[in-house]
Amino acid sequence: MTDISPLRDFVTGMTDLAETSDGDENAMIAGTRDLLAKLVSRDDWLPEEFTRDGDTYRQYLLHCDPKQRFSVVSFVWGPGQTTPVHDHMVWGLIGMLRGAEIGQRFAPDGDGPMIAGVEETLEQGDIEVVSPTLGDIHKVSNALSDRASISIHVYGANIGAVSRHVFDPATGAPKEFISGYSNETVPNLWDLSGS
């Protein structure tokens, strides 16, 4: 059985942070960065069922705060998989757990094509921030052609239920979507028999 105590410790820290930050986005991002850096500094706590890739990328819910102040997901990319250009509508942090990802930010440019930023690679342990106030539109790809990559995402809402957008980069035209989750069950964080 996998020892998920690092995830349990992370969720406890996030709950404490949510209770003391009073919803301040800057405080949540700063505190989450420290907690997430510790969580992705080791790669032995994520149960195998939340690491499986498929014909499309997978978003597995690991925990959603009961008040929906934050959610934690594992994002699994099969070889060569990529997202469309999309936004999040809430703050979020991405911590690279296994493999590598290529991220590219985009910005609207009136009624024309979106402005594409420089591609950046996230390696194990790296952290990226997204937010409507800091830059929220990007696309992400698995940087590896021969195996899956996994990142841990933390968002300031129940991200699987948030109405978001995908964008046509050639026109900037948005289309609404709600991502949902790939899994039917979540880890039982409070079962101490496995830790």
N, C-alpha and C. Protein backbone atom coordinates (compact mmCIF):
# COMPACT_ATOMS: atom_id res chain seq x y z
N MET A 1 0.84 -1.19 0.00
CA MET A 1 0.00 0.00 0.00
C MET A 1 0.89 1.25 0.00
N THR A 2 0.50 2.23 -0.79
CA THR A 2 1.26 3.47 -0.89
C THR A 2 1.04 4.35 0.34
N ASP A 3 2.11 4.91 0.86
CA ASP A 3 2.01 5.83 2.00
C ASP A 3 1.64 7.21 1.49
N ILE A 4 0.37 7.60 1.67
CA ILE A 4 -0.09 8.89 1.16
C ILE A 4 0.00 10.00 2.21
N SER A 5 0.75 9.76 3.28
CA SER A 5 0.84 10.78 4.33
C SER A 5 1.36 12.13 3.81
N PRO A 6 2.26 12.19 2.80
CA PRO A 6 2.64 13.52 2.29
C PRO A 6 1.44 14.28 1.70
N LEU A 7 0.53 13.57 1.04
CA LEU A 7 -0.67 14.22 0.51
C LEU A 7 -1.58 14.66 1.65
N ARG A 8 -1.72 13.82 2.66
CA ARG A 8 -2.54 14.19 3.82
C ARG A 8 -1.96 15.43 4.51
N ASP A 9 -0.65 15.48 4.68
CA ASP A 9 -0.01 16.64 5.29
C ASP A 9 -0.23 17.90 4.44
N PHE A 10 -0.16 17.72 3.11
CA PHE A 10 -0.38 18.85 2.20
C PHE A 10 -1.81 19.38 2.36
N VAL A 11 -2.78 18.50 2.36
CA VAL A 11 -4.18 18.92 2.48
C VAL A 11 -4.43 19.60 3.83
N THR A 12 -3.84 19.08 4.89
CA THR A 12 -3.98 19.71 6.20
C THR A 12 -3.37 21.12 6.18
N GLY A 13 -2.20 21.26 5.57
CA GLY A 13 -1.56 22.58 5.45
C GLY A 13 -2.39 23.53 4.61
N MET A 14 -2.98 23.04 3.52
CA MET A 14 -3.82 23.88 2.67
C MET A 14 -5.08 24.31 3.41
N THR A 15 -5.65 23.42 4.20
CA THR A 15 -6.85 23.77 4.98
C THR A 15 -6.53 24.86 5.98
N ASP A 16 -5.40 24.72 6.68
CA ASP A 16 -4.97 25.76 7.63
C ASP A 16 -4.74 27.08 6.89
N LEU A 17 -4.11 27.02 5.73
CA LEU A 17 -3.84 28.23 4.94
C LEU A 17 -5.14 28.89 4.50
N ALA A 18 -6.10 28.11 4.03
CA ALA A 18 -7.38 28.66 3.59
C ALA A 18 -8.11 29.34 4.75
N GLU A 19 -7.96 28.78 5.95
CA GLU A 19 -8.65 29.35 7.10
C GLU A 19 -8.01 30.64 7.60
N THR A 20 -6.69 30.79 7.39
CA THR A 20 -6.00 31.98 7.90
C THR A 20 -5.81 33.08 6.86
N SER A 21 -5.93 32.74 5.57
CA SER A 21 -5.65 33.73 4.52
C SER A 21 -6.84 34.63 4.23
N ASP A 22 -8.01 34.25 4.71
CA ASP A 22 -9.23 35.04 4.50
C ASP A 22 -9.48 35.31 3.02
N GLY A 23 -9.15 34.30 2.16
CA GLY A 23 -9.42 34.42 0.74
C GLY A 23 -8.46 35.30 -0.04
N ASP A 24 -7.39 35.81 0.59
CA ASP A 24 -6.44 36.67 -0.10
C ASP A 24 -5.63 35.84 -1.10
N GLU A 25 -5.76 36.17 -2.39
CA GLU A 25 -5.11 35.37 -3.44
C GLU A 25 -3.60 35.34 -3.29
N ASN A 26 -2.97 36.48 -3.01
CA ASN A 26 -1.51 36.51 -2.88
C ASN A 26 -1.04 35.62 -1.74
N ALA A 27 -1.75 35.65 -0.62
CA ALA A 27 -1.38 34.80 0.52
C ALA A 27 -1.57 33.33 0.18
N MET A 28 -2.66 33.01 -0.53
CA MET A 28 -2.90 31.62 -0.92
C MET A 28 -1.83 31.12 -1.88
N ILE A 29 -1.46 31.94 -2.85
CA ILE A 29 -0.44 31.52 -3.82
C ILE A 29 0.91 31.32 -3.12
N ALA A 30 1.30 32.27 -2.27
CA ALA A 30 2.60 32.16 -1.58
C ALA A 30 2.64 30.93 -0.68
N GLY A 31 1.59 30.73 0.11
CA GLY A 31 1.55 29.59 1.02
C GLY A 31 1.47 28.27 0.28
N THR A 32 0.68 28.24 -0.79
CA THR A 32 0.53 27.01 -1.57
C THR A 32 1.85 26.65 -2.23
N ARG A 33 2.59 27.66 -2.71
CA ARG A 33 3.88 27.38 -3.36
C ARG A 33 4.81 26.62 -2.41
N ASP A 34 4.90 27.06 -1.17
CA ASP A 34 5.77 26.38 -0.20
C ASP A 34 5.31 24.95 0.07
N LEU A 35 4.00 24.78 0.26
CA LEU A 35 3.46 23.45 0.54
C LEU A 35 3.63 22.52 -0.67
N LEU A 36 3.37 23.04 -1.87
CA LEU A 36 3.47 22.23 -3.07
C LEU A 36 4.92 21.84 -3.37
N ALA A 37 5.85 22.75 -3.11
CA ALA A 37 7.27 22.44 -3.33
C ALA A 37 7.68 21.23 -2.49
N LYS A 38 7.20 21.19 -1.26
CA LYS A 38 7.51 20.04 -0.39
C LYS A 38 6.85 18.77 -0.92
N LEU A 39 5.60 18.88 -1.37
CA LEU A 39 4.87 17.70 -1.85
C LEU A 39 5.53 17.08 -3.08
N VAL A 40 5.95 17.90 -4.04
CA VAL A 40 6.52 17.35 -5.28
C VAL A 40 8.03 17.10 -5.18
N SER A 41 8.60 17.32 -4.00
CA SER A 41 10.04 17.06 -3.82
C SER A 41 10.33 15.56 -3.74
N ARG A 42 9.28 14.76 -3.56
CA ARG A 42 9.45 13.30 -3.56
C ARG A 42 8.35 12.67 -4.40
N ASP A 43 8.65 11.52 -4.96
CA ASP A 43 7.74 10.87 -5.90
C ASP A 43 7.46 9.43 -5.46
N ASP A 44 6.91 9.29 -4.25
CA ASP A 44 6.61 7.94 -3.77
C ASP A 44 5.27 7.86 -3.05
N TRP A 45 4.46 8.91 -3.14
CA TRP A 45 3.23 8.97 -2.34
C TRP A 45 1.95 8.89 -3.17
N LEU A 46 2.02 9.04 -4.48
CA LEU A 46 0.81 9.07 -5.31
C LEU A 46 0.41 7.65 -5.68
N PRO A 47 -0.80 7.22 -5.26
CA PRO A 47 -1.24 5.85 -5.60
C PRO A 47 -1.28 5.64 -7.11
N GLU A 48 -0.94 4.43 -7.51
CA GLU A 48 -0.80 4.09 -8.93
C GLU A 48 -2.06 4.38 -9.73
N GLU A 49 -3.23 4.21 -9.14
CA GLU A 49 -4.48 4.43 -9.89
C GLU A 49 -4.67 5.88 -10.33
N PHE A 50 -3.92 6.82 -9.75
CA PHE A 50 -3.99 8.23 -10.12
C PHE A 50 -2.82 8.66 -10.98
N THR A 51 -2.11 7.66 -11.56
CA THR A 51 -0.96 7.92 -12.43
C THR A 51 -1.15 7.37 -13.83
N ARG A 52 -2.33 6.80 -14.11
CA ARG A 52 -2.55 6.12 -15.39
C ARG A 52 -2.86 7.11 -16.51
N ASP A 53 -2.18 6.91 -17.64
CA ASP A 53 -2.50 7.72 -18.81
C ASP A 53 -3.50 6.97 -19.68
N GLY A 54 -3.97 7.63 -20.73
CA GLY A 54 -4.95 7.02 -21.63
C GLY A 54 -4.86 7.68 -23.00
N ASP A 55 -5.94 7.54 -23.81
CA ASP A 55 -5.89 8.15 -25.14
C ASP A 55 -5.94 9.67 -25.09
N THR A 56 -6.37 10.24 -23.96
CA THR A 56 -6.28 11.69 -23.74
C THR A 56 -5.66 11.91 -22.37
N TYR A 57 -5.22 13.14 -22.11
CA TYR A 57 -4.67 13.44 -20.79
C TYR A 57 -5.75 13.23 -19.74
N ARG A 58 -5.32 12.94 -18.51
CA ARG A 58 -6.24 12.61 -17.42
C ARG A 58 -6.10 13.63 -16.30
N GLN A 59 -7.23 14.00 -15.68
CA GLN A 59 -7.24 14.88 -14.51
C GLN A 59 -7.94 14.13 -13.38
N TYR A 60 -7.14 13.66 -12.41
CA TYR A 60 -7.66 12.87 -11.30
C TYR A 60 -7.81 13.75 -10.06
N LEU A 61 -9.00 13.79 -9.50
CA LEU A 61 -9.22 14.53 -8.27
C LEU A 61 -8.60 13.77 -7.11
N LEU A 62 -7.72 14.44 -6.36
CA LEU A 62 -7.11 13.85 -5.16
C LEU A 62 -7.80 14.35 -3.90
N HIS A 63 -8.26 15.62 -3.92
CA HIS A 63 -8.98 16.18 -2.78
C HIS A 63 -9.68 17.47 -3.20
N CYS A 64 -10.89 17.65 -2.70
CA CYS A 64 -11.58 18.93 -2.85
C CYS A 64 -11.99 19.38 -1.46
N ASP A 65 -11.58 20.57 -1.09
CA ASP A 65 -11.95 21.15 0.19
C ASP A 65 -13.48 21.18 0.29
N PRO A 66 -14.04 20.80 1.46
CA PRO A 66 -15.50 20.77 1.59
C PRO A 66 -16.18 22.11 1.28
N LYS A 67 -15.45 23.22 1.49
CA LYS A 67 -16.01 24.54 1.17
C LYS A 67 -15.59 25.01 -0.22
N GLN A 68 -14.94 24.11 -0.98
CA GLN A 68 -14.48 24.37 -2.35
C GLN A 68 -13.52 25.56 -2.43
N ARG A 69 -12.74 25.78 -1.36
CA ARG A 69 -11.74 26.85 -1.38
C ARG A 69 -10.51 26.44 -2.16
N PHE A 70 -10.29 25.14 -2.33
CA PHE A 70 -9.19 24.63 -3.13
C PHE A 70 -9.46 23.19 -3.54
N SER A 71 -8.81 22.77 -4.59
CA SER A 71 -8.85 21.36 -5.01
C SER A 71 -7.44 20.95 -5.44
N VAL A 72 -7.18 19.66 -5.35
CA VAL A 72 -5.87 19.10 -5.68
C VAL A 72 -6.08 17.98 -6.69
N VAL A 73 -5.37 18.04 -7.81
CA VAL A 73 -5.51 17.00 -8.83
C VAL A 73 -4.14 16.53 -9.30
N SER A 74 -4.09 15.28 -9.75
CA SER A 74 -2.92 14.81 -10.50
C SER A 74 -3.30 14.87 -11.97
N PHE A 75 -2.43 15.47 -12.75
CA PHE A 75 -2.64 15.60 -14.18
C PHE A 75 -1.66 14.66 -14.86
N VAL A 76 -2.17 13.72 -15.64
CA VAL A 76 -1.32 12.70 -16.26
C VAL A 76 -1.36 12.87 -17.77
N TRP A 77 -0.17 13.02 -18.35
CA TRP A 77 -0.02 13.21 -19.79
C TRP A 77 0.61 11.98 -20.39
N GLY A 78 -0.05 11.36 -21.37
CA GLY A 78 0.60 10.31 -22.13
C GLY A 78 1.61 10.91 -23.09
N PRO A 79 2.45 10.09 -23.71
CA PRO A 79 3.44 10.59 -24.66
C PRO A 79 2.78 11.42 -25.76
N GLY A 80 3.30 12.62 -25.99
CA GLY A 80 2.84 13.47 -27.07
C GLY A 80 1.51 14.19 -26.84
N GLN A 81 0.89 14.02 -25.68
CA GLN A 81 -0.41 14.65 -25.46
C GLN A 81 -0.28 16.13 -25.12
N THR A 82 -1.27 16.91 -25.52
CA THR A 82 -1.27 18.35 -25.30
C THR A 82 -2.69 18.83 -25.06
N THR A 83 -2.83 19.93 -24.34
CA THR A 83 -4.14 20.55 -24.14
C THR A 83 -4.40 21.55 -25.25
N PRO A 84 -5.65 21.94 -25.42
CA PRO A 84 -5.91 23.13 -26.23
C PRO A 84 -5.48 24.37 -25.43
N VAL A 85 -5.47 25.52 -26.04
CA VAL A 85 -5.25 26.77 -25.32
C VAL A 85 -6.47 26.98 -24.44
N HIS A 86 -6.24 27.21 -23.13
CA HIS A 86 -7.35 27.27 -22.18
C HIS A 86 -7.05 28.21 -21.03
N ASP A 87 -8.08 28.57 -20.27
CA ASP A 87 -7.90 29.35 -19.05
C ASP A 87 -8.40 28.55 -17.86
N HIS A 88 -8.35 29.17 -16.66
CA HIS A 88 -8.73 28.50 -15.43
C HIS A 88 -9.80 29.26 -14.63
N MET A 89 -9.81 30.58 -14.77
CA MET A 89 -10.77 31.46 -14.10
C MET A 89 -10.54 31.59 -12.60
N VAL A 90 -9.55 30.90 -12.05
CA VAL A 90 -9.18 30.97 -10.63
C VAL A 90 -7.65 30.85 -10.55
N TRP A 91 -7.08 31.18 -9.39
CA TRP A 91 -5.64 30.99 -9.22
C TRP A 91 -5.33 29.49 -9.19
N GLY A 92 -4.11 29.16 -9.58
CA GLY A 92 -3.68 27.77 -9.54
C GLY A 92 -2.18 27.65 -9.56
N LEU A 93 -1.67 26.55 -9.02
CA LEU A 93 -0.24 26.25 -9.07
C LEU A 93 -0.06 24.85 -9.62
N ILE A 94 0.98 24.68 -10.41
CA ILE A 94 1.30 23.42 -11.04
C ILE A 94 2.68 23.01 -10.54
N GLY A 95 2.77 21.86 -9.91
CA GLY A 95 4.05 21.34 -9.43
C GLY A 95 4.40 20.08 -10.19
N MET A 96 5.58 20.04 -10.78
CA MET A 96 5.97 18.89 -11.61
C MET A 96 6.45 17.76 -10.71
N LEU A 97 5.75 16.63 -10.78
CA LEU A 97 6.08 15.47 -9.95
C LEU A 97 6.97 14.48 -10.67
N ARG A 98 6.63 14.20 -11.94
CA ARG A 98 7.33 13.14 -12.67
C ARG A 98 7.39 13.52 -14.14
N GLY A 99 8.53 13.33 -14.77
CA GLY A 99 8.66 13.67 -16.18
C GLY A 99 8.87 15.16 -16.38
N ALA A 100 8.28 15.71 -17.46
CA ALA A 100 8.44 17.13 -17.78
C ALA A 100 7.28 17.59 -18.64
N GLU A 101 6.95 18.87 -18.53
CA GLU A 101 5.89 19.48 -19.32
C GLU A 101 6.43 20.71 -20.03
N ILE A 102 5.83 21.00 -21.18
CA ILE A 102 6.12 22.25 -21.88
C ILE A 102 4.87 23.11 -21.77
N GLY A 103 5.03 24.31 -21.23
CA GLY A 103 3.93 25.26 -21.12
C GLY A 103 4.17 26.46 -22.00
N GLN A 104 3.10 26.98 -22.57
CA GLN A 104 3.20 28.18 -23.40
C GLN A 104 2.02 29.08 -23.09
N ARG A 105 2.30 30.30 -22.68
CA ARG A 105 1.24 31.25 -22.35
C ARG A 105 0.75 31.95 -23.61
N PHE A 106 -0.50 32.38 -23.55
CA PHE A 106 -1.12 33.12 -24.65
C PHE A 106 -1.82 34.34 -24.08
N ALA A 107 -1.92 35.37 -24.91
CA ALA A 107 -2.64 36.58 -24.50
C ALA A 107 -3.56 37.00 -25.64
N PRO A 108 -4.77 37.48 -25.30
CA PRO A 108 -5.68 37.96 -26.35
C PRO A 108 -5.11 39.21 -27.02
N ASP A 109 -5.48 39.41 -28.27
CA ASP A 109 -5.05 40.60 -29.00
C ASP A 109 -6.24 41.16 -29.78
N GLY A 110 -7.21 41.68 -29.04
CA GLY A 110 -8.40 42.22 -29.68
C GLY A 110 -9.18 41.15 -30.40
N ASP A 111 -9.46 41.37 -31.67
CA ASP A 111 -10.25 40.42 -32.46
C ASP A 111 -9.41 39.52 -33.35
N GLY A 112 -8.09 39.55 -33.16
CA GLY A 112 -7.23 38.78 -34.04
C GLY A 112 -6.62 37.58 -33.36
N PRO A 113 -5.58 37.02 -33.97
CA PRO A 113 -4.91 35.86 -33.39
C PRO A 113 -4.36 36.17 -31.99
N MET A 114 -4.30 35.15 -31.16
CA MET A 114 -3.74 35.32 -29.82
C MET A 114 -2.23 35.46 -29.92
N ILE A 115 -1.66 36.19 -28.97
CA ILE A 115 -0.21 36.38 -28.92
C ILE A 115 0.39 35.21 -28.13
N ALA A 116 1.25 34.44 -28.78
CA ALA A 116 1.87 33.28 -28.15
C ALA A 116 3.16 33.69 -27.45
N GLY A 117 3.31 33.22 -26.21
CA GLY A 117 4.54 33.47 -25.46
C GLY A 117 5.58 32.41 -25.76
N VAL A 118 6.69 32.51 -25.07
CA VAL A 118 7.79 31.56 -25.22
C VAL A 118 7.43 30.25 -24.53
N GLU A 119 7.80 29.15 -25.13
CA GLU A 119 7.60 27.85 -24.49
C GLU A 119 8.59 27.69 -23.34
N GLU A 120 8.10 27.18 -22.21
CA GLU A 120 8.95 26.93 -21.04
C GLU A 120 8.75 25.50 -20.58
N THR A 121 9.83 24.88 -20.18
CA THR A 121 9.77 23.49 -19.74
C THR A 121 9.80 23.42 -18.22
N LEU A 122 8.86 22.66 -17.66
CA LEU A 122 8.84 22.37 -16.22
C LEU A 122 9.47 21.01 -16.01
N GLU A 123 10.50 20.96 -15.17
CA GLU A 123 11.15 19.70 -14.79
C GLU A 123 10.70 19.32 -13.39
N GLN A 124 11.02 18.11 -12.97
CA GLN A 124 10.61 17.63 -11.65
C GLN A 124 10.98 18.65 -10.58
N GLY A 125 9.99 19.01 -9.74
CA GLY A 125 10.19 19.96 -8.66
C GLY A 125 9.88 21.40 -9.02
N ASP A 126 9.78 21.73 -10.31
CA ASP A 126 9.46 23.10 -10.73
C ASP A 126 7.99 23.42 -10.46
N ILE A 127 7.70 24.70 -10.25
CA ILE A 127 6.33 25.15 -9.97
C ILE A 127 5.99 26.33 -10.87
N GLU A 128 4.78 26.32 -11.40
CA GLU A 128 4.25 27.38 -12.27
C GLU A 128 2.97 27.91 -11.62
N VAL A 129 2.70 29.21 -11.80
CA VAL A 129 1.50 29.84 -11.24
C VAL A 129 0.63 30.36 -12.39
N VAL A 130 -0.68 30.16 -12.26
CA VAL A 130 -1.65 30.76 -13.19
C VAL A 130 -2.69 31.48 -12.35
N SER A 131 -3.23 32.56 -12.92
CA SER A 131 -4.26 33.33 -12.25
C SER A 131 -4.80 34.36 -13.21
N PRO A 132 -6.08 34.68 -13.12
CA PRO A 132 -6.59 35.76 -13.98
C PRO A 132 -5.86 37.09 -13.76
N THR A 133 -5.29 37.29 -12.59
CA THR A 133 -4.57 38.55 -12.33
C THR A 133 -3.10 38.49 -12.76
N LEU A 134 -2.55 37.28 -12.95
CA LEU A 134 -1.13 37.13 -13.28
C LEU A 134 -0.89 36.59 -14.69
N GLY A 135 -1.91 36.08 -15.32
CA GLY A 135 -1.78 35.40 -16.61
C GLY A 135 -2.39 34.03 -16.49
N ASP A 136 -3.48 33.82 -17.22
CA ASP A 136 -4.29 32.63 -16.97
C ASP A 136 -4.49 31.76 -18.20
N ILE A 137 -4.00 32.17 -19.35
CA ILE A 137 -4.27 31.42 -20.59
C ILE A 137 -2.98 30.75 -21.04
N HIS A 138 -3.06 29.43 -21.22
CA HIS A 138 -1.88 28.70 -21.69
C HIS A 138 -2.29 27.39 -22.34
N LYS A 139 -1.30 26.70 -22.91
CA LYS A 139 -1.48 25.32 -23.32
C LYS A 139 -0.29 24.56 -22.76
N VAL A 140 -0.50 23.27 -22.51
CA VAL A 140 0.51 22.44 -21.87
C VAL A 140 0.64 21.13 -22.64
N SER A 141 1.87 20.65 -22.75
CA SER A 141 2.15 19.39 -23.46
C SER A 141 3.12 18.55 -22.64
N ASN A 142 3.04 17.25 -22.84
CA ASN A 142 4.04 16.35 -22.29
C ASN A 142 5.34 16.59 -23.06
N ALA A 143 6.41 16.87 -22.35
CA ALA A 143 7.70 17.11 -23.01
C ALA A 143 8.38 15.81 -23.43
N LEU A 144 7.86 14.68 -22.97
CA LEU A 144 8.48 13.38 -23.25
C LEU A 144 7.69 12.62 -24.31
N SER A 145 8.39 12.02 -25.23
CA SER A 145 7.72 11.29 -26.31
C SER A 145 7.58 9.80 -26.03
N ASP A 146 8.21 9.32 -24.94
CA ASP A 146 8.24 7.87 -24.70
C ASP A 146 7.59 7.43 -23.40
N ARG A 147 7.10 8.36 -22.59
CA ARG A 147 6.46 7.95 -21.33
C ARG A 147 5.59 9.09 -20.79
N ALA A 148 4.79 8.74 -19.80
CA ALA A 148 3.88 9.71 -19.19
C ALA A 148 4.64 10.72 -18.34
N SER A 149 4.04 11.89 -18.18
CA SER A 149 4.50 12.90 -17.23
C SER A 149 3.33 13.21 -16.30
N ILE A 150 3.65 13.54 -15.05
CA ILE A 150 2.60 13.79 -14.05
C ILE A 150 2.91 15.07 -13.30
N SER A 151 1.91 15.94 -13.21
CA SER A 151 2.04 17.15 -12.40
C SER A 151 0.89 17.19 -11.40
N ILE A 152 1.14 17.88 -10.30
CA ILE A 152 0.12 18.07 -9.26
C ILE A 152 -0.35 19.51 -9.36
N HIS A 153 -1.67 19.69 -9.52
CA HIS A 153 -2.27 21.01 -9.69
C HIS A 153 -3.11 21.32 -8.47
N VAL A 154 -3.01 22.55 -8.00
CA VAL A 154 -3.83 23.04 -6.89
C VAL A 154 -4.53 24.30 -7.37
N TYR A 155 -5.84 24.34 -7.21
CA TYR A 155 -6.62 25.48 -7.70
C TYR A 155 -7.46 26.08 -6.57
N GLY A 156 -7.81 27.35 -6.73
CA GLY A 156 -8.59 28.06 -5.73
C GLY A 156 -10.08 27.86 -5.86
N ALA A 157 -10.49 26.67 -6.26
CA ALA A 157 -11.91 26.30 -6.39
C ALA A 157 -11.95 24.81 -6.70
N ASN A 158 -13.15 24.26 -6.82
CA ASN A 158 -13.34 22.89 -7.30
C ASN A 158 -13.19 22.94 -8.82
N ILE A 159 -11.97 22.79 -9.31
CA ILE A 159 -11.66 23.08 -10.72
C ILE A 159 -12.49 22.23 -11.68
N GLY A 160 -12.87 21.05 -11.29
CA GLY A 160 -13.66 20.19 -12.18
C GLY A 160 -15.07 20.70 -12.41
N ALA A 161 -15.51 21.68 -11.60
CA ALA A 161 -16.86 22.24 -11.73
C ALA A 161 -16.87 23.69 -12.20
N VAL A 162 -15.69 24.26 -12.47
CA VAL A 162 -15.60 25.67 -12.87
C VAL A 162 -15.85 25.80 -14.38
N SER A 163 -16.69 26.74 -14.76
CA SER A 163 -16.91 27.05 -16.17
C SER A 163 -15.71 27.84 -16.68
N ARG A 164 -15.01 27.26 -17.65
CA ARG A 164 -13.78 27.86 -18.18
C ARG A 164 -13.89 28.00 -19.69
N HIS A 165 -12.75 28.27 -20.34
CA HIS A 165 -12.77 28.49 -21.78
C HIS A 165 -11.59 27.80 -22.46
N VAL A 166 -11.84 27.30 -23.65
CA VAL A 166 -10.77 26.96 -24.59
C VAL A 166 -10.83 28.03 -25.67
N PHE A 167 -9.69 28.29 -26.29
CA PHE A 167 -9.58 29.37 -27.26
C PHE A 167 -9.03 28.87 -28.58
N ASP A 168 -9.55 29.42 -29.66
CA ASP A 168 -8.96 29.22 -30.98
C ASP A 168 -7.80 30.20 -31.09
N PRO A 169 -6.55 29.73 -31.12
CA PRO A 169 -5.42 30.67 -31.13
C PRO A 169 -5.38 31.54 -32.39
N ALA A 170 -6.00 31.09 -33.48
CA ALA A 170 -5.97 31.87 -34.72
C ALA A 170 -6.93 33.05 -34.68
N THR A 171 -8.01 32.92 -33.90
CA THR A 171 -9.01 34.00 -33.87
C THR A 171 -9.22 34.58 -32.48
N GLY A 172 -8.77 33.84 -31.44
CA GLY A 172 -9.02 34.26 -30.06
C GLY A 172 -10.42 33.93 -29.59
N ALA A 173 -11.23 33.28 -30.42
CA ALA A 173 -12.62 32.98 -30.06
C ALA A 173 -12.68 31.97 -28.90
N PRO A 174 -13.42 32.30 -27.82
CA PRO A 174 -13.53 31.39 -26.69
C PRO A 174 -14.72 30.43 -26.83
N LYS A 175 -14.61 29.28 -26.19
CA LYS A 175 -15.71 28.32 -26.11
C LYS A 175 -15.73 27.79 -24.68
N GLU A 176 -16.88 27.83 -24.03
CA GLU A 176 -16.97 27.40 -22.63
C GLU A 176 -16.86 25.88 -22.50
N PHE A 177 -16.28 25.46 -21.36
CA PHE A 177 -16.25 24.03 -21.03
C PHE A 177 -16.15 23.87 -19.52
N ILE A 178 -16.52 22.71 -19.03
CA ILE A 178 -16.33 22.31 -17.63
C ILE A 178 -15.59 20.99 -17.69
N SER A 179 -14.43 20.90 -17.05
CA SER A 179 -13.55 19.76 -17.27
C SER A 179 -14.01 18.47 -16.60
N GLY A 180 -14.62 18.55 -15.41
CA GLY A 180 -14.90 17.33 -14.68
C GLY A 180 -13.60 16.64 -14.27
N TYR A 181 -13.72 15.36 -13.92
CA TYR A 181 -12.55 14.58 -13.47
C TYR A 181 -12.55 13.22 -14.16
N SER A 182 -11.39 12.60 -14.23
CA SER A 182 -11.25 11.30 -14.88
C SER A 182 -11.55 10.13 -13.95
N ASN A 183 -11.53 10.36 -12.64
CA ASN A 183 -11.70 9.25 -11.71
C ASN A 183 -13.09 9.23 -11.08
N GLU A 184 -13.47 8.05 -10.60
CA GLU A 184 -14.75 7.89 -9.92
C GLU A 184 -14.58 7.87 -8.40
N THR A 185 -13.38 7.59 -7.92
CA THR A 185 -13.11 7.57 -6.48
C THR A 185 -11.92 8.49 -6.20
N VAL A 186 -11.77 8.88 -4.94
CA VAL A 186 -10.63 9.70 -4.52
C VAL A 186 -9.93 8.98 -3.37
N PRO A 187 -8.67 9.32 -3.11
CA PRO A 187 -7.96 8.66 -2.00
C PRO A 187 -8.64 8.96 -0.67
N ASN A 188 -8.66 7.97 0.22
CA ASN A 188 -9.15 8.19 1.57
C ASN A 188 -7.97 8.71 2.40
N LEU A 189 -7.89 10.03 2.51
CA LEU A 189 -6.75 10.65 3.19
C LEU A 189 -6.70 10.32 4.67
N TRP A 190 -7.82 9.99 5.24
CA TRP A 190 -7.88 9.85 6.70
C TRP A 190 -7.81 8.40 7.15
N ASP A 191 -7.56 7.47 6.23
CA ASP A 191 -7.31 6.07 6.59
C ASP A 191 -5.84 5.95 6.97
N LEU A 192 -5.56 5.90 8.25
CA LEU A 192 -4.17 5.93 8.73
C LEU A 192 -3.49 4.58 8.65
N SER A 193 -4.20 3.54 8.23
CA SER A 193 -3.59 2.20 8.18
C SER A 193 -2.50 2.11 7.13
N GLY A 194 -2.58 2.96 6.08
CA GLY A 194 -1.58 2.93 5.01
C GLY A 194 -0.41 3.86 5.22
N SER A 195 -0.34 4.56 6.35
CA SER A 195 0.76 5.48 6.57
C SER A 195 1.55 5.04 7.75
